[in-house]
Amino acid sequence: MVDKKFDKIYGWLFILPVFILAVVFFLIPAGMSLMLSFKEYSLLDSQGMFSAPWVGLNNYKEVFKDEIFFKSLKNTVIYSLGVVPTQLMIALGLAIICNSKIRNKGVLRTVYYIPTVTSAVAVSIMFLFLYKTDGLLNKFLGLFGVEPIGWFNSPVFALPSMMSLAVWSSVGIYMVIFLAGLQGISPSLYEAAEIDGASKFEQFLYVTLPQLKHVLFFNLVVSFIGTLQVFDQAYVISGGTGGPLDSTSTVVLYLFNSGFRDFKMGYASAIAFVLFGIIFTLTMIQKFLFKESD
């Protein structure tokens, strides 16, 4: 009995540092942000956030009337719908390759994973050089007679170019998770399918995908949350402006500019909780759909 009592105490002592960090750096800031979303507060105000006047739901009403917010939300949704399926399909394909019986699989896994651990700012700067008018991409296309394109200076090509950056830089992490899922599938399932005369494609369709369903759900949710919160790539590529013509403005970038450029911290906090509501709703919908398919 004494040993069990001390086990509980040791357990709480082990999680205490993480609990304190969560309270200090997550719960308290989230609570203060929620409070600010109902206030009119600027970083330039000398009265402090606790003395700032309450405005009720006015900040939220302003969000739903803001054309730039909806343009940023539209860009973010397009970005998510383009990046998520693309990177998950590529990640699954790379995981299948790395799980097959080929030589130097360890080298391939390392090569595919390296972009994931590279700084997002460094990757964005690299793509700025690759995609500029006299960059490597335009020089390659010039071999086929294609005129140089200012990829990140064009309202048409800026967002798709940023999407390609995101796919390249983040596909490795999802590949590793898919690879773990593939290695957890029993070989006997493939042997049974092969005895029944199933082709490789049929084995993938009726064995691999069903066994990876929960891994796919995890990757889908994490990927959607990550893309809906995209900030660093958009900030570096547009210089923090969201240009050209707000074509690379995302919700988090607009939130950042509202709070730290326009000093409207109450309004920025309202945007943050609107985004939280969108992400939470989409996550619950995905969870419901995958649960229904069970």
C-alpha atoms as a PDB file:
ATOM      1  CA  MET A   1       0.000   0.000   0.000  1.00  0.00           C
ATOM      2  CA  VAL A   2       2.843   2.371   0.912  1.00  0.00           C
ATOM      3  CA  ASP A   3       4.652   1.598  -2.336  1.00  0.00           C
ATOM      4  CA  LYS A   4       1.554   2.371  -4.402  1.00  0.00           C
ATOM      5  CA  LYS A   5       1.093   5.654  -2.555  1.00  0.00           C
ATOM      6  CA  PHE A   6       4.672   6.700  -3.321  1.00  0.00           C
ATOM      7  CA  ASP A   7       4.250   5.577  -6.943  1.00  0.00           C
ATOM      8  CA  LYS A   8       1.431   8.093  -7.333  1.00  0.00           C
ATOM      9  CA  ILE A   9       3.533  10.836  -5.753  1.00  0.00           C
ATOM     10  CA  TYR A  10       6.472  10.048  -8.037  1.00  0.00           C
ATOM     11  CA  GLY A  11       4.146  10.051 -11.026  1.00  0.00           C
ATOM     12  CA  TRP A  12       2.813  13.499 -10.159  1.00  0.00           C
ATOM     13  CA  LEU A  13       6.351  14.777  -9.569  1.00  0.00           C
ATOM     14  CA  PHE A  14       7.393  13.553 -13.029  1.00  0.00           C
ATOM     15  CA  ILE A  15       4.520  15.320 -14.804  1.00  0.00           C
ATOM     16  CA  LEU A  16       4.732  18.455 -12.633  1.00  0.00           C
ATOM     17  CA  PRO A  17       7.290  20.299 -14.865  1.00  0.00           C
ATOM     18  CA  VAL A  18       5.206  19.649 -17.987  1.00  0.00           C
ATOM     19  CA  PHE A  19       2.030  20.679 -16.145  1.00  0.00           C
ATOM     20  CA  ILE A  20       3.628  23.946 -14.980  1.00  0.00           C
ATOM     21  CA  LEU A  21       4.887  24.719 -18.483  1.00  0.00           C
ATOM     22  CA  ALA A  22       1.430  24.000 -19.934  1.00  0.00           C
ATOM     23  CA  VAL A  23      -0.228  26.330 -17.420  1.00  0.00           C
ATOM     24  CA  VAL A  24       2.324  29.141 -17.805  1.00  0.00           C
ATOM     25  CA  PHE A  25       2.782  29.028 -21.581  1.00  0.00           C
ATOM     26  CA  PHE A  26      -0.612  27.737 -22.765  1.00  0.00           C
ATOM     27  CA  LEU A  27      -3.527  28.004 -20.337  1.00  0.00           C
ATOM     28  CA  ILE A  28      -2.732  31.452 -18.916  1.00  0.00           C
ATOM     29  CA  PRO A  29      -1.934  33.040 -22.344  1.00  0.00           C
ATOM     30  CA  ALA A  30      -5.068  31.416 -23.855  1.00  0.00           C
ATOM     31  CA  GLY A  31      -7.197  32.773 -21.026  1.00  0.00           C
ATOM     32  CA  MET A  32      -5.720  36.260 -21.391  1.00  0.00           C
ATOM     33  CA  SER A  33      -6.240  36.118 -25.152  1.00  0.00           C
ATOM     34  CA  LEU A  34      -9.881  35.134 -24.638  1.00  0.00           C
ATOM     35  CA  MET A  35     -10.293  38.085 -22.284  1.00  0.00           C
ATOM     36  CA  LEU A  36      -8.675  40.462 -24.795  1.00  0.00           C
ATOM     37  CA  SER A  37     -11.023  39.290 -27.557  1.00  0.00           C
ATOM     38  CA  PHE A  38     -13.831  41.060 -25.678  1.00  0.00           C
ATOM     39  CA  LYS A  39     -11.819  44.252 -25.173  1.00  0.00           C
ATOM     40  CA  GLU A  40     -10.517  47.137 -27.247  1.00  0.00           C
ATOM     41  CA  TYR A  41      -6.809  47.055 -26.469  1.00  0.00           C
ATOM     42  CA  SER A  42      -3.681  48.280 -28.213  1.00  0.00           C
ATOM     43  CA  LEU A  43      -0.058  47.561 -27.326  1.00  0.00           C
ATOM     44  CA  LEU A  44       0.436  51.323 -27.352  1.00  0.00           C
ATOM     45  CA  ASP A  45      -2.125  51.868 -24.589  1.00  0.00           C
ATOM     46  CA  SER A  46      -0.551  52.952 -21.330  1.00  0.00           C
ATOM     47  CA  GLN A  47      -3.504  51.798 -19.229  1.00  0.00           C
ATOM     48  CA  GLY A  48      -2.752  48.082 -19.584  1.00  0.00           C
ATOM     49  CA  MET A  49      -4.845  45.182 -20.806  1.00  0.00           C
ATOM     50  CA  PHE A  50      -6.789  44.749 -17.566  1.00  0.00           C
ATOM     51  CA  SER A  51      -7.950  48.378 -17.645  1.00  0.00           C
ATOM     52  CA  ALA A  52      -8.879  48.330 -21.360  1.00  0.00           C
ATOM     53  CA  PRO A  53     -12.584  48.935 -22.068  1.00  0.00           C
ATOM     54  CA  TRP A  54     -14.891  45.991 -22.683  1.00  0.00           C
ATOM     55  CA  VAL A  55     -16.603  45.959 -26.087  1.00  0.00           C
ATOM     56  CA  GLY A  56     -18.479  42.664 -25.817  1.00  0.00           C
ATOM     57  CA  LEU A  57     -18.847  40.837 -29.126  1.00  0.00           C
ATOM     58  CA  ASN A  58     -17.892  43.856 -31.247  1.00  0.00           C
ATOM     59  CA  ASN A  59     -14.502  42.378 -32.197  1.00  0.00           C
ATOM     60  CA  TYR A  60     -16.152  39.167 -33.392  1.00  0.00           C
ATOM     61  CA  LYS A  61     -18.772  41.126 -35.344  1.00  0.00           C
ATOM     62  CA  GLU A  62     -15.981  43.106 -36.989  1.00  0.00           C
ATOM     63  CA  VAL A  63     -14.202  39.866 -37.957  1.00  0.00           C
ATOM     64  CA  PHE A  64     -17.264  38.569 -39.808  1.00  0.00           C
ATOM     65  CA  LYS A  65     -17.580  41.889 -41.671  1.00  0.00           C
ATOM     66  CA  ASP A  66     -13.893  42.104 -42.603  1.00  0.00           C
ATOM     67  CA  GLU A  67     -13.259  41.491 -46.328  1.00  0.00           C
ATOM     68  CA  ILE A  68      -9.504  41.020 -45.818  1.00  0.00           C
ATOM     69  CA  PHE A  69     -10.167  38.358 -43.174  1.00  0.00           C
ATOM     70  CA  PHE A  70     -12.388  36.421 -45.574  1.00  0.00           C
ATOM     71  CA  LYS A  71      -9.809  36.812 -48.351  1.00  0.00           C
ATOM     72  CA  SER A  72      -7.175  35.449 -45.961  1.00  0.00           C
ATOM     73  CA  LEU A  73      -9.516  32.618 -44.932  1.00  0.00           C
ATOM     74  CA  LYS A  74     -10.159  31.782 -48.590  1.00  0.00           C
ATOM     75  CA  ASN A  75      -6.400  31.695 -49.279  1.00  0.00           C
ATOM     76  CA  THR A  76      -5.862  29.468 -46.234  1.00  0.00           C
ATOM     77  CA  VAL A  77      -8.607  27.032 -47.274  1.00  0.00           C
ATOM     78  CA  ILE A  78      -7.276  26.832 -50.848  1.00  0.00           C
ATOM     79  CA  TYR A  79      -3.788  26.318 -49.439  1.00  0.00           C
ATOM     80  CA  SER A  80      -5.006  23.501 -47.156  1.00  0.00           C
ATOM     81  CA  LEU A  81      -7.047  21.758 -49.843  1.00  0.00           C
ATOM     82  CA  GLY A  82      -4.062  21.856 -52.187  1.00  0.00           C
ATOM     83  CA  VAL A  83      -1.309  20.915 -49.745  1.00  0.00           C
ATOM     84  CA  VAL A  84      -2.939  18.258 -47.541  1.00  0.00           C
ATOM     85  CA  PRO A  85      -3.998  15.673 -50.170  1.00  0.00           C
ATOM     86  CA  THR A  86      -0.858  16.235 -52.229  1.00  0.00           C
ATOM     87  CA  GLN A  87       1.601  15.791 -49.388  1.00  0.00           C
ATOM     88  CA  LEU A  88      -0.258  12.794 -47.936  1.00  0.00           C
ATOM     89  CA  MET A  89      -0.339  10.978 -51.291  1.00  0.00           C
ATOM     90  CA  ILE A  90       3.353  11.664 -51.878  1.00  0.00           C
ATOM     91  CA  ALA A  91       4.178  10.693 -48.286  1.00  0.00           C
ATOM     92  CA  LEU A  92       2.311   7.390 -48.630  1.00  0.00           C
ATOM     93  CA  GLY A  93       4.070   6.659 -51.927  1.00  0.00           C
ATOM     94  CA  LEU A  94       7.489   7.393 -50.416  1.00  0.00           C
ATOM     95  CA  ALA A  95       6.655   5.265 -47.359  1.00  0.00           C
ATOM     96  CA  ILE A  96       5.732   2.324 -49.605  1.00  0.00           C
ATOM     97  CA  ILE A  97       9.025   2.729 -51.491  1.00  0.00           C
ATOM     98  CA  CYS A  98      11.030   2.875 -48.248  1.00  0.00           C
ATOM     99  CA  ASN A  99       9.172  -0.169 -46.917  1.00  0.00           C
ATOM    100  CA  SER A 100       9.826  -2.270 -50.016  1.00  0.00           C
ATOM    101  CA  LYS A 101      12.750  -4.630 -50.555  1.00  0.00           C
ATOM    102  CA  ILE A 102      15.204  -2.191 -52.132  1.00  0.00           C
ATOM    103  CA  ARG A 103      18.802  -1.344 -51.362  1.00  0.00           C
ATOM    104  CA  ASN A 104      19.887   1.728 -49.394  1.00  0.00           C
ATOM    105  CA  LYS A 105      16.472   2.240 -47.792  1.00  0.00           C
ATOM    106  CA  GLY A 106      18.110   4.016 -44.868  1.00  0.00           C
ATOM    107  CA  VAL A 107      19.680   6.594 -47.198  1.00  0.00           C
ATOM    108  CA  LEU A 108      16.348   7.221 -48.910  1.00  0.00           C
ATOM    109  CA  ARG A 109      14.561   7.713 -45.608  1.00  0.00           C
ATOM    110  CA  THR A 110      17.185  10.224 -44.519  1.00  0.00           C
ATOM    111  CA  VAL A 111      17.027  12.141 -47.809  1.00  0.00           C
ATOM    112  CA  TYR A 112      13.228  12.312 -47.719  1.00  0.00           C
ATOM    113  CA  TYR A 113      13.184  13.393 -44.066  1.00  0.00           C
ATOM    114  CA  ILE A 114      15.896  16.096 -44.164  1.00  0.00           C
ATOM    115  CA  PRO A 115      13.572  18.906 -45.438  1.00  0.00           C
ATOM    116  CA  THR A 116      11.339  18.343 -42.408  1.00  0.00           C
ATOM    117  CA  VAL A 117      14.079  19.271 -39.928  1.00  0.00           C
ATOM    118  CA  THR A 118      15.216  22.271 -41.982  1.00  0.00           C
ATOM    119  CA  SER A 119      14.125  25.697 -40.748  1.00  0.00           C
ATOM    120  CA  ALA A 120      10.943  26.884 -42.441  1.00  0.00           C
ATOM    121  CA  VAL A 121      12.493  30.339 -42.826  1.00  0.00           C
ATOM    122  CA  ALA A 122      15.598  28.876 -44.510  1.00  0.00           C
ATOM    123  CA  VAL A 123      13.445  26.787 -46.860  1.00  0.00           C
ATOM    124  CA  SER A 124      11.315  29.841 -47.729  1.00  0.00           C
ATOM    125  CA  ILE A 125      14.424  31.895 -48.553  1.00  0.00           C
ATOM    126  CA  MET A 126      15.752  29.030 -50.683  1.00  0.00           C
ATOM    127  CA  PHE A 127      12.496  28.894 -52.646  1.00  0.00           C
ATOM    128  CA  LEU A 128      12.595  32.684 -53.088  1.00  0.00           C
ATOM    129  CA  PHE A 129      15.904  32.238 -54.928  1.00  0.00           C
ATOM    130  CA  LEU A 130      14.662  29.240 -56.900  1.00  0.00           C
ATOM    131  CA  TYR A 131      11.436  30.968 -57.992  1.00  0.00           C
ATOM    132  CA  LYS A 132      12.715  34.477 -58.707  1.00  0.00           C
ATOM    133  CA  THR A 133      12.695  35.814 -62.284  1.00  0.00           C
ATOM    134  CA  ASP A 134      16.312  34.810 -62.974  1.00  0.00           C
ATOM    135  CA  GLY A 135      16.138  31.797 -60.669  1.00  0.00           C
ATOM    136  CA  LEU A 136      16.859  28.155 -61.368  1.00  0.00           C
ATOM    137  CA  LEU A 137      13.249  27.230 -62.175  1.00  0.00           C
ATOM    138  CA  ASN A 138      12.884  29.925 -64.839  1.00  0.00           C
ATOM    139  CA  LYS A 139      16.261  29.010 -66.325  1.00  0.00           C
ATOM    140  CA  PHE A 140      15.105  25.394 -66.607  1.00  0.00           C
ATOM    141  CA  LEU A 141      11.792  26.401 -68.186  1.00  0.00           C
ATOM    142  CA  GLY A 142      13.694  28.714 -70.524  1.00  0.00           C
ATOM    143  CA  LEU A 143      15.256  25.621 -72.112  1.00  0.00           C
ATOM    144  CA  PHE A 144      11.761  24.843 -73.437  1.00  0.00           C
ATOM    145  CA  GLY A 145      11.082  28.389 -74.614  1.00  0.00           C
ATOM    146  CA  VAL A 146       8.982  29.455 -71.606  1.00  0.00           C
ATOM    147  CA  GLU A 147       9.216  33.146 -70.729  1.00  0.00           C
ATOM    148  CA  PRO A 148      10.475  33.977 -67.197  1.00  0.00           C
ATOM    149  CA  ILE A 149       7.713  34.195 -64.589  1.00  0.00           C
ATOM    150  CA  GLY A 150       7.834  36.189 -61.362  1.00  0.00           C
ATOM    151  CA  TRP A 151       6.302  33.375 -59.345  1.00  0.00           C
ATOM    152  CA  PHE A 152       6.051  35.097 -55.959  1.00  0.00           C
ATOM    153  CA  ASN A 153       5.303  38.481 -57.530  1.00  0.00           C
ATOM    154  CA  SER A 154       2.235  37.238 -59.390  1.00  0.00           C
ATOM    155  CA  PRO A 155      -1.221  37.146 -57.730  1.00  0.00           C
ATOM    156  CA  VAL A 156      -1.939  34.031 -59.816  1.00  0.00           C
ATOM    157  CA  PHE A 157       1.210  31.995 -59.070  1.00  0.00           C
ATOM    158  CA  ALA A 158       2.213  33.225 -55.587  1.00  0.00           C
ATOM    159  CA  LEU A 159      -0.098  30.964 -53.575  1.00  0.00           C
ATOM    160  CA  PRO A 160       0.488  27.790 -55.667  1.00  0.00           C
ATOM    161  CA  SER A 161       4.248  28.422 -55.398  1.00  0.00           C
ATOM    162  CA  MET A 162       3.932  28.667 -51.628  1.00  0.00           C
ATOM    163  CA  MET A 163       1.941  25.414 -51.654  1.00  0.00           C
ATOM    164  CA  SER A 164       4.746  23.615 -53.488  1.00  0.00           C
ATOM    165  CA  LEU A 165       7.162  24.881 -50.845  1.00  0.00           C
ATOM    166  CA  ALA A 166       4.961  23.462 -48.075  1.00  0.00           C
ATOM    167  CA  VAL A 167       4.624  20.056 -49.731  1.00  0.00           C
ATOM    168  CA  TRP A 168       8.388  19.713 -50.263  1.00  0.00           C
ATOM    169  CA  SER A 169       9.307  20.803 -46.753  1.00  0.00           C
ATOM    170  CA  SER A 170       6.794  18.768 -44.736  1.00  0.00           C
ATOM    171  CA  VAL A 171       6.183  15.544 -46.661  1.00  0.00           C
ATOM    172  CA  GLY A 172       8.963  13.728 -44.770  1.00  0.00           C
ATOM    173  CA  ILE A 173       7.263  13.735 -41.360  1.00  0.00           C
ATOM    174  CA  TYR A 174       4.102  12.153 -42.761  1.00  0.00           C
ATOM    175  CA  MET A 175       6.195   9.616 -44.653  1.00  0.00           C
ATOM    176  CA  VAL A 176       7.779   8.475 -41.374  1.00  0.00           C
ATOM    177  CA  ILE A 177       4.366   8.070 -39.726  1.00  0.00           C
ATOM    178  CA  PHE A 178       3.011   6.127 -42.716  1.00  0.00           C
ATOM    179  CA  LEU A 179       6.155   3.991 -42.667  1.00  0.00           C
ATOM    180  CA  ALA A 180       5.554   3.105 -39.021  1.00  0.00           C
ATOM    181  CA  GLY A 181       1.994   2.130 -39.911  1.00  0.00           C
ATOM    182  CA  LEU A 182       3.130  -0.016 -42.845  1.00  0.00           C
ATOM    183  CA  GLN A 183       5.638  -1.879 -40.684  1.00  0.00           C
ATOM    184  CA  GLY A 184       2.846  -2.669 -38.235  1.00  0.00           C
ATOM    185  CA  ILE A 185       0.808  -4.572 -40.844  1.00  0.00           C
ATOM    186  CA  SER A 186       1.139  -8.335 -40.524  1.00  0.00           C
ATOM    187  CA  PRO A 187       2.825  -9.974 -43.574  1.00  0.00           C
ATOM    188  CA  SER A 188       0.320 -12.841 -43.267  1.00  0.00           C
ATOM    189  CA  LEU A 189      -2.410 -10.538 -44.572  1.00  0.00           C
ATOM    190  CA  TYR A 190      -0.491  -9.990 -47.813  1.00  0.00           C
ATOM    191  CA  GLU A 191       0.311 -13.692 -48.062  1.00  0.00           C
ATOM    192  CA  ALA A 192      -3.360 -14.578 -47.704  1.00  0.00           C
ATOM    193  CA  ALA A 193      -4.343 -11.971 -50.300  1.00  0.00           C
ATOM    194  CA  GLU A 194      -1.682 -13.254 -52.694  1.00  0.00           C
ATOM    195  CA  ILE A 195      -2.926 -16.836 -52.289  1.00  0.00           C
ATOM    196  CA  ASP A 196      -6.426 -15.604 -53.145  1.00  0.00           C
ATOM    197  CA  GLY A 197      -5.024 -14.161 -56.373  1.00  0.00           C
ATOM    198  CA  ALA A 198      -5.067 -10.464 -55.439  1.00  0.00           C
ATOM    199  CA  SER A 199      -2.850  -8.225 -57.528  1.00  0.00           C
ATOM    200  CA  LYS A 200      -0.444  -5.712 -55.978  1.00  0.00           C
ATOM    201  CA  PHE A 201      -2.956  -2.918 -56.549  1.00  0.00           C
ATOM    202  CA  GLU A 202      -5.764  -4.973 -54.977  1.00  0.00           C
ATOM    203  CA  GLN A 203      -3.522  -5.739 -51.999  1.00  0.00           C
ATOM    204  CA  PHE A 204      -2.896  -2.014 -51.592  1.00  0.00           C
ATOM    205  CA  LEU A 205      -6.598  -1.234 -51.940  1.00  0.00           C
ATOM    206  CA  TYR A 206      -8.037  -3.946 -49.692  1.00  0.00           C
ATOM    207  CA  VAL A 207      -5.210  -4.648 -47.245  1.00  0.00           C
ATOM    208  CA  THR A 208      -2.874  -1.654 -46.949  1.00  0.00           C
ATOM    209  CA  LEU A 209      -5.397   1.199 -46.921  1.00  0.00           C
ATOM    210  CA  PRO A 210      -7.826  -0.371 -44.404  1.00  0.00           C
ATOM    211  CA  GLN A 211      -4.931  -1.195 -42.077  1.00  0.00           C
ATOM    212  CA  LEU A 212      -3.627   2.370 -42.368  1.00  0.00           C
ATOM    213  CA  LYS A 213      -6.980   4.038 -41.758  1.00  0.00           C
ATOM    214  CA  HIS A 214      -6.176   5.302 -38.256  1.00  0.00           C
ATOM    215  CA  VAL A 215      -2.703   6.413 -39.320  1.00  0.00           C
ATOM    216  CA  LEU A 216      -4.284   8.248 -42.250  1.00  0.00           C
ATOM    217  CA  PHE A 217      -6.761   9.926 -39.889  1.00  0.00           C
ATOM    218  CA  PHE A 218      -3.925  11.106 -37.632  1.00  0.00           C
ATOM    219  CA  ASN A 219      -1.916  12.471 -40.567  1.00  0.00           C
ATOM    220  CA  LEU A 220      -4.995  14.123 -42.047  1.00  0.00           C
ATOM    221  CA  VAL A 221      -5.902  15.924 -38.827  1.00  0.00           C
ATOM    222  CA  VAL A 222      -2.326  17.031 -38.084  1.00  0.00           C
ATOM    223  CA  SER A 223      -1.805  18.167 -41.673  1.00  0.00           C
ATOM    224  CA  PHE A 224      -5.020  20.183 -41.767  1.00  0.00           C
ATOM    225  CA  ILE A 225      -4.243  21.853 -38.438  1.00  0.00           C
ATOM    226  CA  GLY A 226      -0.732  22.716 -39.653  1.00  0.00           C
ATOM    227  CA  THR A 227      -1.876  24.183 -42.971  1.00  0.00           C
ATOM    228  CA  LEU A 228      -4.697  26.186 -41.401  1.00  0.00           C
ATOM    229  CA  GLN A 229      -2.110  27.745 -39.078  1.00  0.00           C
ATOM    230  CA  VAL A 230       0.455  28.521 -41.781  1.00  0.00           C
ATOM    231  CA  PHE A 231       2.407  31.674 -41.018  1.00  0.00           C
ATOM    232  CA  ASP A 232       6.180  31.551 -41.445  1.00  0.00           C
ATOM    233  CA  GLN A 233       6.243  30.749 -45.184  1.00  0.00           C
ATOM    234  CA  ALA A 234       3.651  33.414 -45.962  1.00  0.00           C
ATOM    235  CA  TYR A 235       5.498  35.982 -43.850  1.00  0.00           C
ATOM    236  CA  VAL A 236       8.906  35.387 -45.438  1.00  0.00           C
ATOM    237  CA  ILE A 237       7.641  35.138 -49.020  1.00  0.00           C
ATOM    238  CA  SER A 238       5.473  38.264 -48.861  1.00  0.00           C
ATOM    239  CA  GLY A 239       7.727  40.237 -46.529  1.00  0.00           C
ATOM    240  CA  GLY A 240       4.916  40.219 -43.974  1.00  0.00           C
ATOM    241  CA  THR A 241       2.449  42.028 -46.242  1.00  0.00           C
ATOM    242  CA  GLY A 242       0.486  39.064 -47.611  1.00  0.00           C
ATOM    243  CA  GLY A 243       0.998  40.388 -51.127  1.00  0.00           C
ATOM    244  CA  PRO A 244       0.845  40.660 -54.000  1.00  0.00           C
ATOM    245  CA  LEU A 245      -2.752  41.889 -53.694  1.00  0.00           C
ATOM    246  CA  ASP A 246      -3.302  39.805 -50.540  1.00  0.00           C
ATOM    247  CA  SER A 247      -2.824  36.607 -52.576  1.00  0.00           C
ATOM    248  CA  THR A 248      -0.552  35.056 -49.911  1.00  0.00           C
ATOM    249  CA  SER A 249      -2.316  36.513 -46.891  1.00  0.00           C
ATOM    250  CA  THR A 250      -3.308  33.730 -44.487  1.00  0.00           C
ATOM    251  CA  VAL A 251      -5.461  33.905 -41.366  1.00  0.00           C
ATOM    252  CA  VAL A 252      -2.505  33.708 -38.970  1.00  0.00           C
ATOM    253  CA  LEU A 253      -0.500  36.259 -40.969  1.00  0.00           C
ATOM    254  CA  TYR A 254      -3.488  38.634 -40.916  1.00  0.00           C
ATOM    255  CA  LEU A 255      -3.872  37.951 -37.179  1.00  0.00           C
ATOM    256  CA  PHE A 256      -0.194  38.803 -36.637  1.00  0.00           C
ATOM    257  CA  ASN A 257      -0.426  42.023 -38.644  1.00  0.00           C
ATOM    258  CA  SER A 258      -3.624  43.063 -36.855  1.00  0.00           C
ATOM    259  CA  GLY A 259      -1.997  42.625 -33.467  1.00  0.00           C
ATOM    260  CA  PHE A 260       1.617  43.701 -33.989  1.00  0.00           C
ATOM    261  CA  ARG A 261       1.429  46.038 -36.980  1.00  0.00           C
ATOM    262  CA  ASP A 262      -1.951  47.704 -36.445  1.00  0.00           C
ATOM    263  CA  PHE A 263      -1.729  47.198 -32.629  1.00  0.00           C
ATOM    264  CA  LYS A 264      -5.332  45.905 -32.440  1.00  0.00           C
ATOM    265  CA  MET A 265      -4.704  43.133 -29.926  1.00  0.00           C
ATOM    266  CA  GLY A 266      -8.365  42.666 -29.036  1.00  0.00           C
ATOM    267  CA  TYR A 267      -9.303  42.225 -32.675  1.00  0.00           C
ATOM    268  CA  ALA A 268      -6.351  39.882 -33.276  1.00  0.00           C
ATOM    269  CA  SER A 269      -7.437  37.758 -30.295  1.00  0.00           C
ATOM    270  CA  ALA A 270     -10.936  37.511 -31.755  1.00  0.00           C
ATOM    271  CA  ILE A 271      -9.458  36.288 -35.054  1.00  0.00           C
ATOM    272  CA  ALA A 272      -7.462  33.676 -33.120  1.00  0.00           C
ATOM    273  CA  PHE A 273     -10.568  32.241 -31.479  1.00  0.00           C
ATOM    274  CA  VAL A 274     -12.525  32.268 -34.735  1.00  0.00           C
ATOM    275  CA  LEU A 275      -9.680  30.242 -36.276  1.00  0.00           C
ATOM    276  CA  PHE A 276      -9.705  27.933 -33.250  1.00  0.00           C
ATOM    277  CA  GLY A 277     -13.428  27.350 -33.783  1.00  0.00           C
ATOM    278  CA  ILE A 278     -12.883  26.520 -37.465  1.00  0.00           C
ATOM    279  CA  ILE A 279     -10.046  24.077 -36.716  1.00  0.00           C
ATOM    280  CA  PHE A 280     -11.981  22.414 -33.886  1.00  0.00           C
ATOM    281  CA  THR A 281     -15.092  22.002 -36.056  1.00  0.00           C
ATOM    282  CA  LEU A 282     -13.149  20.507 -38.966  1.00  0.00           C
ATOM    283  CA  THR A 283     -11.334  18.121 -36.617  1.00  0.00           C
ATOM    284  CA  MET A 284     -14.633  16.905 -35.122  1.00  0.00           C
ATOM    285  CA  ILE A 285     -16.094  16.417 -38.615  1.00  0.00           C
ATOM    286  CA  GLN A 286     -13.077  14.345 -39.668  1.00  0.00           C
ATOM    287  CA  LYS A 287     -13.308  12.293 -36.473  1.00  0.00           C
ATOM    288  CA  PHE A 288     -17.010  11.673 -37.057  1.00  0.00           C
ATOM    289  CA  LEU A 289     -16.452  10.614 -40.679  1.00  0.00           C
ATOM    290  CA  PHE A 290     -13.687   8.166 -39.770  1.00  0.00           C
ATOM    291  CA  LYS A 291     -15.744   6.810 -36.869  1.00  0.00           C
ATOM    292  CA  GLU A 292     -18.726   6.297 -39.179  1.00  0.00           C
ATOM    293  CA  SER A 293     -16.556   4.420 -41.647  1.00  0.00           C
ATOM    294  CA  ASP A 294     -15.595   2.010 -38.825  1.00  0.00           C
END
